[in-house]
Amino acid sequence: MKYLNNIIAIIIICLLVYACGSSPINQKKNGIKEEPVVIANDSLEYEITIIDIGFNNYLNSIAQPRGFYSQEYLEGRNRPWVITWNQRAQNPLRFNPNIYENIINYQQNIDYGYEVNYLLFNYFLFAQRKYNMSLGGGFRTGRIN
C-alpha cells in the first residue's frame, strides 16, 4: 500500500510539473483558457504556481487592488492560514486532498515581498469562497462558482 501511495505521489508531482508549463490551461470556463498564476520571488528562489480555474478572474474582478493592504497585514493573515492549510494537507483522510494538494513552505522569518504575500493572501480568500470552507479569521464570504 505504501508503495502504491509513493507511485501515486510521483504521478501527481509529474502532472503538476507538466501542468506548470507556460502553455494555457486546457480546462476552460466560459470558453476562455486561463493561464496559471505564478507567485514568485526570484531573489529568494520561491515560487508557487496556482492552477485553480477562476483565480485569474477573481484577481481581476473581486480582489482588492495591489496596495490596498499593507505587507504587514498580508503577512499577518497568511501566517495562520498557511498553518491551517498545511495541517489539512497533512491529513488527507479528514480533508479533501483535491483541495489541499500541497504543503506551502512559508516561513515567518523570511520577507517574501509584497507580491508573494498579496497573491497568496488572495488565493486563500479565493479558495475559501470557491470551496466554501474557512481557514479561520472570518473571511469566508459567499461562494463563487
Protein backbone atom coordinates (compact mmCIF):
# COMPACT_ATOMS: atom_id res chain seq x y z
CA MET A 1 0.00 0.00 0.00
CA LYS A 2 2.82 2.40 0.87
CA TYR A 3 4.49 1.56 -2.47
CA LEU A 4 1.24 2.36 -4.30
CA ASN A 5 0.95 5.67 -2.44
CA ASN A 6 4.52 6.56 -3.46
CA ILE A 7 3.75 5.79 -7.11
CA ILE A 8 0.58 7.88 -6.96
CA ALA A 9 2.52 10.76 -5.37
CA ILE A 10 5.14 10.59 -8.13
CA ILE A 11 2.44 10.63 -10.80
CA ILE A 12 0.76 13.66 -9.18
CA ILE A 13 4.08 15.50 -8.97
CA CYS A 14 4.78 14.74 -12.64
CA LEU A 15 1.34 16.02 -13.61
CA LEU A 16 1.86 19.18 -11.57
CA VAL A 17 5.26 19.78 -13.16
CA TYR A 18 3.76 19.25 -16.62
CA ALA A 19 0.80 21.50 -15.82
CA CYS A 20 3.08 24.27 -14.55
CA GLY A 21 4.45 24.96 -18.04
CA SER A 22 3.86 28.24 -19.81
CA SER A 23 1.09 26.99 -22.07
CA PRO A 24 -2.54 27.86 -21.28
CA ILE A 25 -4.51 25.52 -19.07
CA ASN A 26 -6.59 23.19 -21.21
CA GLN A 27 -9.58 23.39 -18.91
CA LYS A 28 -11.96 26.13 -19.93
CA LYS A 29 -14.53 28.12 -18.06
CA ASN A 30 -16.97 30.02 -20.24
CA GLY A 31 -14.85 29.15 -23.30
CA ILE A 32 -11.78 31.10 -22.14
CA LYS A 33 -8.41 29.46 -21.47
CA GLU A 34 -6.82 30.53 -18.22
CA GLU A 35 -3.11 30.89 -17.55
CA PRO A 36 -1.68 29.63 -14.26
CA VAL A 37 -0.80 32.29 -11.69
CA VAL A 38 2.82 32.13 -10.58
CA ILE A 39 3.67 33.54 -7.17
CA ALA A 40 7.42 34.05 -7.12
CA ASN A 41 10.26 35.95 -5.52
CA ASP A 42 13.31 35.33 -7.69
CA SER A 43 15.82 36.61 -5.14
CA LEU A 44 14.55 34.04 -2.61
CA GLU A 45 14.07 31.31 -5.24
CA TYR A 46 10.50 30.97 -4.01
CA GLU A 47 7.68 30.00 -6.32
CA ILE A 48 4.09 28.75 -6.08
CA THR A 49 2.08 28.01 -9.21
CA ILE A 50 -1.70 28.19 -8.87
CA ILE A 51 -3.65 26.24 -11.46
CA ASP A 52 -7.09 26.71 -9.92
CA ILE A 53 -9.63 27.69 -12.56
CA GLY A 54 -11.23 31.02 -11.72
CA PHE A 55 -8.35 32.52 -9.74
CA ASN A 56 -7.30 34.89 -12.54
CA ASN A 57 -10.87 36.12 -12.81
CA TYR A 58 -11.02 36.55 -9.04
CA LEU A 59 -7.83 38.64 -9.08
CA ASN A 60 -9.12 40.83 -11.89
CA SER A 61 -12.69 41.35 -10.71
CA ILE A 62 -13.13 40.72 -6.98
CA ALA A 63 -9.77 41.09 -5.19
CA GLN A 64 -8.79 44.43 -3.72
CA PRO A 65 -6.11 46.15 -5.84
CA ARG A 66 -2.42 45.92 -5.02
CA GLY A 67 -1.55 48.46 -2.36
CA PHE A 68 -4.94 48.24 -0.64
CA TYR A 69 -3.45 46.14 2.19
CA SER A 70 -0.04 46.67 3.77
CA GLN A 71 2.53 43.91 3.54
CA GLU A 72 2.37 43.55 7.33
CA TYR A 73 -1.37 42.96 7.16
CA LEU A 74 -0.99 40.35 4.41
CA GLU A 75 1.76 38.56 6.34
CA GLY A 76 -0.41 38.60 9.47
CA ARG A 77 -3.25 36.88 7.60
CA ASN A 78 -1.05 34.50 5.62
CA ARG A 79 0.82 33.06 8.62
CA PRO A 80 -2.16 31.41 10.35
CA TRP A 81 -3.79 30.46 7.03
CA VAL A 82 -0.61 28.66 5.90
CA ILE A 83 -0.54 26.75 9.20
CA THR A 84 -4.19 25.70 8.81
CA TRP A 85 -3.68 24.83 5.13
CA ASN A 86 -0.61 22.69 5.90
CA GLN A 87 -2.36 20.87 8.75
CA ARG A 88 -5.18 19.97 6.37
CA ALA A 89 -2.78 18.98 3.58
CA GLN A 90 -1.11 16.58 6.01
CA ASN A 91 -4.44 14.99 6.91
CA PRO A 92 -5.93 13.75 3.59
CA LEU A 93 -8.27 11.29 5.29
CA ARG A 94 -10.07 14.13 7.03
CA PHE A 95 -9.72 16.95 4.48
CA ASN A 96 -10.21 16.85 0.73
CA PRO A 97 -6.81 16.04 -0.83
CA ASN A 98 -8.03 17.53 -4.13
CA ILE A 99 -8.17 20.93 -2.45
CA TYR A 100 -5.21 20.64 -0.07
CA GLU A 101 -2.81 19.03 -2.54
CA ASN A 102 0.47 20.50 -1.35
CA ILE A 103 2.21 21.85 1.71
CA ILE A 104 3.10 25.56 1.47
CA ASN A 105 6.63 26.28 2.66
CA TYR A 106 6.06 29.74 4.12
CA GLN A 107 8.46 30.67 6.88
CA GLN A 108 7.55 33.53 9.21
CA ASN A 109 11.10 34.87 9.44
CA ILE A 110 11.54 35.37 5.67
CA ASP A 111 10.49 38.53 3.85
CA TYR A 112 8.84 37.22 0.67
CA GLY A 113 7.94 40.70 -0.50
CA TYR A 114 4.62 42.32 -1.25
CA GLU A 115 3.68 40.46 -4.43
CA VAL A 116 4.10 36.96 -2.96
CA ASN A 117 2.09 37.91 0.11
CA TYR A 118 -0.60 39.67 -1.95
CA LEU A 119 -1.15 36.73 -4.31
CA LEU A 120 -1.01 34.12 -1.54
CA PHE A 121 -3.49 36.12 0.56
CA ASN A 122 -5.86 36.43 -2.39
CA TYR A 123 -5.56 32.75 -3.24
CA PHE A 124 -6.60 31.91 0.31
CA LEU A 125 -9.60 34.25 0.02
CA PHE A 126 -10.47 32.75 -3.38
CA ALA A 127 -10.16 29.15 -2.13
CA GLN A 128 -12.34 29.84 0.91
CA ARG A 129 -15.07 31.19 -1.33
CA LYS A 130 -14.75 28.64 -4.12
CA TYR A 131 -14.64 25.58 -1.84
CA ASN A 132 -16.97 27.02 0.81
CA MET A 133 -14.51 26.47 3.62
CA SER A 134 -12.85 28.56 6.28
CA LEU A 135 -9.18 28.81 7.16
CA GLY A 136 -10.09 30.95 10.17
CA GLY A 137 -10.43 34.67 10.73
CA GLY A 138 -13.94 35.17 9.38
CA PHE A 139 -13.01 35.84 5.75
CA ARG A 140 -15.30 33.33 4.04
CA THR A 141 -17.93 35.41 2.32
CA GLY A 142 -20.17 33.82 -0.26
CA ARG A 143 -19.44 31.10 -2.73
CA ILE A 144 -18.14 31.62 -6.24
CA ASN A 145 -18.78 29.12 -9.00
